[in-house]
Protein backbone atom coordinates (compact mmCIF):
# COMPACT_ATOMS: atom_id res chain seq x y z
CA UNK A 1 103.08 36.47 58.07
CA UNK A 2 107.17 36.97 57.38
CA UNK A 3 109.08 38.25 60.24
CA UNK A 4 111.31 41.42 59.15
CA UNK A 5 114.86 41.22 58.33
CA UNK A 6 117.44 42.67 60.15
CA UNK A 7 121.23 42.96 58.92
CA UNK A 8 123.94 43.48 61.79
CA UNK A 9 127.05 45.27 60.78
CA UNK A 10 130.36 46.16 62.31
CA UNK A 11 132.73 48.90 61.26
CA UNK A 12 136.02 47.84 61.98
CA UNK A 13 136.04 44.55 64.42
CA UNK A 14 133.32 42.12 65.30
CA UNK A 15 133.20 41.83 69.01
CA UNK A 16 131.85 38.47 69.30
CA UNK A 17 130.29 38.65 72.92
CA UNK A 18 128.78 41.66 71.65
CA UNK A 19 127.37 40.23 68.55
CA UNK A 20 125.65 37.30 70.18
CA UNK A 21 124.29 39.35 72.97
CA UNK A 22 122.35 41.73 69.75
CA UNK A 23 122.24 38.32 67.90
CA UNK A 24 119.91 36.86 70.66
CA UNK A 25 118.17 40.24 71.49
CA UNK A 26 116.59 40.63 68.08
CA UNK A 27 115.88 37.58 67.49
CA UNK A 28 113.64 38.01 70.28
CA UNK A 29 112.27 40.82 68.85
CA UNK A 30 111.03 39.00 66.25
CA UNK A 31 113.43 39.31 63.39
CA UNK A 32 115.37 37.12 60.96
CA UNK A 33 119.18 38.21 60.86
CA UNK A 34 121.54 38.97 58.30
CA UNK A 35 125.03 38.69 59.60
CA UNK A 36 128.08 40.85 59.36
CA UNK A 37 129.86 38.22 57.34
CA UNK A 38 127.51 38.67 54.84
CA UNK A 39 128.91 40.61 51.85
CA UNK A 40 127.93 44.73 52.21
CA UNK A 41 125.94 46.19 49.74
CA UNK A 42 124.47 42.99 47.77
CA UNK A 43 120.94 42.39 47.29
CA UNK A 44 120.12 41.33 50.88
CA UNK A 45 120.34 44.91 51.87
CA UNK A 46 117.68 45.76 49.94
CA UNK A 47 115.47 43.11 51.56
CA UNK A 48 116.79 44.18 55.21
CA UNK A 49 114.27 46.03 57.23
CA UNK A 50 116.59 47.60 60.01
CA UNK A 51 120.27 47.87 59.62
CA UNK A 52 122.20 47.43 63.37
CA UNK A 53 125.61 48.78 63.41
CA UNK A 54 128.17 48.40 65.88
CA UNK A 55 131.23 49.83 67.20
CA UNK A 56 130.46 53.31 65.89
CA UNK A 57 131.82 54.87 62.27
CA UNK A 58 131.10 52.45 59.15
CA UNK A 59 132.68 55.11 57.00
CA UNK A 60 130.21 55.10 53.35
CA UNK A 61 129.23 51.37 54.04
CA UNK A 62 125.32 51.04 53.57
CA UNK A 63 125.15 55.07 53.29
CA UNK A 64 122.26 54.27 50.67
CA UNK A 65 120.36 52.42 53.08
CA UNK A 66 116.52 53.67 53.07
CA UNK A 67 115.05 52.17 56.19
CA UNK A 68 115.92 52.70 60.30
CA UNK A 69 118.94 52.08 61.93
CA UNK A 70 120.01 51.50 65.13
CA UNK A 71 123.63 52.24 66.44
CA UNK A 72 125.38 50.97 68.91
CA UNK A 73 128.27 53.70 69.97
CA UNK A 74 129.75 51.37 72.85
CA UNK A 75 133.48 52.02 71.87
CA UNK A 76 133.38 55.75 72.13
CA UNK A 77 136.12 56.28 69.54
CA UNK A 78 134.28 58.07 67.03
CA UNK A 79 132.81 61.71 66.44
CA UNK A 80 130.14 61.21 63.70
CA UNK A 81 127.46 63.29 62.15
CA UNK A 82 125.02 60.23 61.78
CA UNK A 83 122.48 62.23 59.91
CA UNK A 84 125.45 63.07 57.26
CA UNK A 85 126.72 59.21 57.08
CA UNK A 86 123.34 58.06 56.70
CA UNK A 87 121.47 60.35 54.52
CA UNK A 88 119.00 58.04 53.16
CA UNK A 89 117.82 56.46 56.48
CA UNK A 90 114.01 57.10 57.19
CA UNK A 91 115.40 57.47 61.16
CA UNK A 92 118.84 57.12 63.19
CA UNK A 93 118.60 55.62 66.86
CA UNK A 94 122.17 56.02 68.33
CA UNK A 95 122.25 53.97 71.84
CA UNK A 96 124.96 55.28 73.79
CA UNK A 97 125.27 55.65 77.72
CA UNK A 98 125.62 59.39 78.78
CA UNK A 99 129.14 60.89 79.24
CA UNK A 100 130.14 61.74 82.66
CA UNK A 101 131.30 65.46 83.44
CA UNK A 102 134.52 65.27 83.47
CA UNK A 103 134.34 63.53 80.10
CA UNK A 104 132.45 65.53 77.58
CA UNK A 105 130.85 63.58 74.35
CA UNK A 106 132.35 65.21 70.93
CA UNK A 107 129.67 63.28 69.15
CA UNK A 108 126.70 64.31 71.37
CA UNK A 109 125.30 67.15 68.77
CA UNK A 110 124.60 64.52 66.42
CA UNK A 111 122.24 62.85 68.60
CA UNK A 112 120.74 66.01 69.96
CA UNK A 113 119.76 68.07 67.20
CA UNK A 114 116.91 69.59 65.99
CA UNK A 115 116.48 66.72 63.18
CA UNK A 116 113.19 64.52 63.96
CA UNK A 117 115.86 61.73 61.78
CA UNK A 118 118.33 61.06 64.49
CA UNK A 119 117.49 60.21 68.25
CA UNK A 120 119.41 59.30 71.33
CA UNK A 121 118.88 56.52 73.65
CA UNK A 122 120.84 56.71 76.95
CA UNK A 123 121.78 53.09 77.19
CA UNK A 124 124.21 50.33 76.83
CA UNK A 125 124.52 46.98 74.91
CA UNK A 126 121.48 44.99 75.66
CA UNK A 127 122.85 41.80 77.39
CA UNK A 128 121.54 38.22 77.55
CA UNK A 129 121.90 36.43 80.64
CA UNK A 130 121.02 33.45 80.06
CA UNK A 131 123.37 33.13 77.44
CA UNK A 132 126.50 33.73 79.72
CA UNK A 133 125.83 32.20 82.96
CA UNK A 134 127.68 29.07 83.77
CA UNK A 135 127.62 26.77 86.73
CA UNK A 136 130.40 26.48 88.92
CA UNK A 137 131.23 25.18 92.39
CA UNK A 138 134.44 26.67 93.77
CA UNK A 139 135.91 29.81 93.08
CA UNK A 140 139.72 30.49 93.03
CA UNK A 141 140.88 33.65 95.20
CA UNK A 142 144.03 34.70 92.75
CA UNK A 143 142.76 37.43 90.48
CA UNK A 144 143.08 37.46 86.72
CA UNK A 145 143.23 39.94 83.93
CA UNK A 146 141.79 38.99 80.95
CA UNK A 147 142.59 41.08 77.77
CA UNK A 148 144.94 41.60 75.00
CA UNK A 149 147.80 44.21 75.86
CA UNK A 150 147.40 47.83 75.16
CA UNK A 151 150.24 49.96 74.19
CA UNK A 152 149.03 52.93 76.47
CA UNK A 153 152.23 54.73 77.36
CA UNK A 154 153.04 55.93 81.01
CA UNK A 155 149.47 54.61 82.38
CA UNK A 156 149.36 54.78 85.73
CA UNK A 157 146.73 51.68 86.06
CA UNK A 158 148.51 49.75 83.29
CA UNK A 159 151.93 50.11 85.33
CA UNK A 160 150.29 48.98 88.49
CA UNK A 161 148.44 46.02 86.85
CA UNK A 162 151.77 45.24 85.35
CA UNK A 163 153.55 45.05 88.56
CA UNK A 164 151.09 42.56 90.04
CA UNK A 165 151.03 40.50 87.26
CA UNK A 166 155.05 40.75 86.91
CA UNK A 167 154.66 39.61 91.09
CA UNK A 168 152.36 36.74 90.54
CA UNK A 169 149.37 38.52 92.22
CA UNK A 170 147.27 38.84 89.14
CA UNK A 171 147.73 36.15 86.49
CA UNK A 172 147.01 37.57 82.61
CA UNK A 173 145.52 35.85 80.08
CA UNK A 174 145.23 37.31 76.28
CA UNK A 175 147.65 37.84 73.08
CA UNK A 176 150.67 40.23 72.81
CA UNK A 177 151.79 40.31 76.24
CA UNK A 178 155.12 38.93 75.35
CA UNK A 179 155.71 42.95 74.30
CA UNK A 180 155.81 43.26 78.19
CA UNK A 181 157.44 40.92 79.17
CA UNK A 182 154.88 38.79 80.54
CA UNK A 183 154.05 34.86 79.48
CA UNK A 184 150.32 34.79 78.91
CA UNK A 185 148.12 32.57 76.40
CA UNK A 186 145.27 33.74 74.40
CA UNK A 187 141.66 32.68 75.28
CA UNK A 188 139.12 32.03 72.92
CA UNK A 189 135.22 33.68 74.19
CA UNK A 190 134.23 30.16 75.16
CA UNK A 191 137.05 29.81 77.58
CA UNK A 192 137.40 33.14 78.87
CA UNK A 193 134.00 32.54 80.05
CA UNK A 194 134.68 29.56 81.91
CA UNK A 195 137.58 31.24 83.73
CA UNK A 196 135.43 34.50 85.00
CA UNK A 197 133.25 31.50 86.29
CA UNK A 198 135.69 29.68 88.10
CA UNK A 199 137.64 33.03 89.49
CA UNK A 200 136.17 35.18 92.42
CA UNK A 201 137.46 38.69 91.01
CA UNK A 202 139.34 39.97 87.95
CA UNK A 203 140.85 43.29 87.05
CA UNK A 204 139.47 45.40 84.35
CA UNK A 205 141.58 48.14 82.21
CA UNK A 206 140.13 50.42 79.46
CA UNK A 207 141.65 52.55 77.37
CA UNK A 208 141.95 56.49 78.89
CA UNK A 209 139.80 57.72 76.76
CA UNK A 210 137.05 55.38 77.26
CA UNK A 211 136.82 55.38 81.10
CA UNK A 212 133.79 57.41 82.30
CA UNK A 213 132.12 57.06 78.50
CA UNK A 214 131.68 53.44 78.36
CA UNK A 215 131.42 50.32 79.78
CA UNK A 216 134.14 47.29 79.43
CA UNK A 217 132.33 43.95 78.54
CA UNK A 218 134.11 42.46 81.84
CA UNK A 219 131.36 44.57 83.41
CA UNK A 220 128.51 42.44 82.91
CA UNK A 221 130.35 38.88 81.75
CA UNK A 222 132.05 38.84 85.00
CA UNK A 223 129.37 39.48 87.53
CA UNK A 224 127.17 37.14 85.83
CA UNK A 225 129.42 34.12 86.88
CA UNK A 226 129.84 35.44 90.33
CA UNK A 227 133.06 37.38 89.59
CA UNK A 228 133.81 40.68 91.03
CA UNK A 229 135.75 43.48 88.79
CA UNK A 230 138.15 45.57 89.98
CA UNK A 231 138.24 48.80 87.96
CA UNK A 232 139.69 52.29 87.90
CA UNK A 233 137.83 55.31 89.14
CA UNK A 234 135.01 56.60 87.53
CA UNK A 235 134.51 53.86 84.95
CA UNK A 236 131.11 52.33 86.86
CA UNK A 237 128.62 55.21 85.41
CA UNK A 238 125.71 52.71 84.72
CA UNK A 239 126.10 51.39 88.66
CA UNK A 240 126.61 47.43 87.55
CA UNK A 241 126.70 45.45 90.26
CA UNK A 242 130.39 43.68 91.29
CA UNK A 243 132.14 46.44 89.84
CA UNK A 244 134.60 48.11 92.34
CA UNK A 245 136.05 50.94 91.59
CA UNK A 246 140.05 51.74 92.67
CA UNK A 247 141.93 54.86 92.74
CA UNK A 248 145.21 52.29 92.14
CA UNK A 249 145.70 49.00 91.42
CA UNK A 250 147.88 47.34 94.47
CA UNK A 251 147.87 44.20 96.19
CA UNK A 252 145.53 45.13 98.86
CA UNK A 253 142.91 45.98 96.59
CA UNK A 254 143.37 42.15 94.96
CA UNK A 255 143.04 40.80 98.48
CA UNK A 256 139.35 40.31 98.59
CA UNK A 257 138.53 37.03 100.33
CA UNK A 258 135.39 36.67 98.54
CA UNK A 259 133.02 34.18 99.88
CA UNK A 260 131.59 31.35 97.46
CA UNK A 261 127.80 32.98 99.10
CA UNK A 262 128.73 36.50 97.86
CA UNK A 263 129.88 34.97 94.82
CA UNK A 264 126.52 33.26 94.04
CA UNK A 265 124.23 36.68 95.30
CA UNK A 266 126.22 38.71 92.95
CA UNK A 267 125.05 36.31 90.14
CA UNK A 268 122.08 36.61 90.92
CA UNK A 269 122.01 40.68 91.55
CA UNK A 270 123.75 40.82 87.83
CA UNK A 271 121.08 38.70 86.23
CA UNK A 272 118.50 40.64 87.12
CA UNK A 273 120.17 44.16 86.50
CA UNK A 274 120.90 43.29 83.11
CA UNK A 275 117.75 41.80 82.32
CA UNK A 276 115.90 45.10 83.82
CA UNK A 277 118.14 46.96 81.58
CA UNK A 278 117.46 44.61 78.30
CA UNK A 279 113.85 45.33 78.93
CA UNK A 280 114.20 49.03 79.22
CA UNK A 281 115.81 49.11 76.16
CA UNK A 282 113.33 47.13 74.31
CA UNK A 283 110.88 49.71 75.46
CA UNK A 284 113.00 52.33 74.22
CA UNK A 285 113.32 50.78 70.82
CA UNK A 286 109.34 49.68 70.58
CA UNK A 287 110.14 46.24 71.25
CA UNK A 288 107.88 44.10 73.36
CA UNK A 289 109.57 44.73 76.95
CA UNK A 290 108.78 41.71 78.12
CA UNK A 291 110.76 39.28 76.11
CA UNK A 292 112.58 36.60 77.28
CA UNK A 293 115.15 33.60 76.30
CA UNK A 294 115.36 30.47 77.84
CA UNK A 295 118.55 28.34 77.67
CA UNK A 296 116.50 26.40 74.83
CA UNK A 297 115.53 29.54 72.82
CA UNK A 298 119.68 30.22 72.93
CA UNK A 299 120.78 27.19 70.71
CA UNK A 300 121.87 28.96 68.04
CA UNK A 301 124.19 31.56 69.70
CA UNK A 302 125.67 28.39 72.22
CA UNK A 303 126.25 26.39 69.38
CA UNK A 304 128.16 29.64 67.40
CA UNK A 305 130.23 30.16 70.70
CA UNK A 306 131.22 26.47 70.59
CA UNK A 307 132.06 26.66 66.89
CA UNK A 308 134.21 29.67 67.53
CA UNK A 309 135.81 27.92 70.39
CA UNK A 310 136.62 24.85 68.25
CA UNK A 311 138.08 26.95 65.64
CA UNK A 312 140.28 29.04 68.12
CA UNK A 313 141.69 25.51 69.64
CA UNK A 314 142.43 24.27 65.75
CA UNK A 315 144.44 27.64 64.88
CA UNK A 316 146.22 27.15 68.51
CA UNK A 317 146.56 23.84 67.46
CA UNK A 318 147.95 24.25 64.10
CA UNK A 319 150.39 26.60 65.40
CA UNK A 320 151.69 24.50 67.75
CA UNK A 321 152.78 21.98 65.03
CA UNK A 322 154.26 24.61 63.00
CA UNK A 323 157.01 25.42 65.85
CA UNK A 324 157.24 21.98 66.71
CA UNK A 325 158.06 21.14 62.99
CA UNK A 326 160.20 24.18 62.39
CA UNK A 327 164.02 23.53 61.41
CA UNK A 328 166.28 23.35 64.53
CA UNK A 329 168.37 26.25 63.03
CA UNK A 330 164.94 28.20 62.54
CA UNK A 331 164.15 27.41 66.35
CA UNK A 332 167.13 28.43 67.88
CA UNK A 333 167.23 31.79 65.64
CA UNK A 334 163.58 32.67 67.49
CA UNK A 335 164.88 31.98 70.56
CA UNK A 336 167.49 33.65 70.44
CA UNK A 337 165.74 36.73 69.24
CA UNK A 338 163.18 36.34 71.99
CA UNK A 339 165.96 36.61 74.84
CA UNK A 340 167.37 39.66 73.08
CA UNK A 341 164.00 40.99 73.15
CA UNK A 342 163.38 40.36 76.87
CA UNK A 343 166.43 41.66 77.50
CA UNK A 344 165.50 44.88 75.81
CA UNK A 345 168.25 44.75 72.97
CA UNK A 346 167.66 43.61 69.50
CA UNK A 347 170.19 41.17 68.11
CA UNK A 348 170.49 43.75 64.91
CA UNK A 349 170.59 46.87 67.29
CA UNK A 350 173.47 45.34 69.53
CA UNK A 351 175.71 44.71 66.13
CA UNK A 352 174.69 48.45 64.89
CA UNK A 353 176.37 49.79 68.07
CA UNK A 354 179.43 47.79 67.86
CA UNK A 355 179.91 49.06 64.46
CA UNK A 356 179.36 52.70 65.96
CA UNK A 357 181.91 52.09 68.42
């Protein structure tokens, strides 16, 4: 008997760690998968038995899909009338954590109305511990922060975290940190996973509108590797193991001095917690609650993680070669421009001011 087909799609961006968890979860539930890279509105969509939507609003894409739809609203960026968005769907199930009392859900009406076609499951994403847990022998005590730099204005948590990074207390990784005058390098998903396994703790930083409404991916990936997460007050709405809420990010919060045994205990606790969560989600969706995946079962996902890592490293190597082969004058001009930006003044702005004076 042929297995049912599941089409996975993401609205505006593919969070690869989320995708690997979703992919493994639905494979374990017995589905064959159509990946997000496949062309939308193609003939293969007519063959799909289930549509899984990640990140929320998908616009008009696949609005004529006639089967059941699972929506994982973990970004909390959109307010969507799901029944109107997918008028042809046989049923729409929205997976989203219930918002806290001080962050009302703008989209709660869409999943709690009287329609029999729309239902809500109070749950987060499925998490497959065996996919992310790595072996480690020691832990670095210096906290890390792995994230692209966010333009958040005068956010107190970001201001405190930047001060710790500039003071050398916290080491940052990710893209666009030059905008804040910080030197940092981006990481692949696999490299980030390895760094968390080597670290005793990390700092989180969520967008203000997400705090108290959803979880950060580091809240599951870091503890699975024995890495504690320092996060903003009110953000641990699911009671995740290893998440330490802080009223402010300061040097005292970073000086935890966590023992290797405490980190190992955390990894065990986090693994049990997320396995239980994923089983509960499977039950709510009508899947076998006993579904499980061994490392051998996860070879396709592990291969993808490695492939993405190789692609990332190759792209970084190409960029480095391009920089090395750039004509000397262009390298000098770029160096001067970077120096001017670090000083808070662009060369064009300087010449314009002299002209006006």
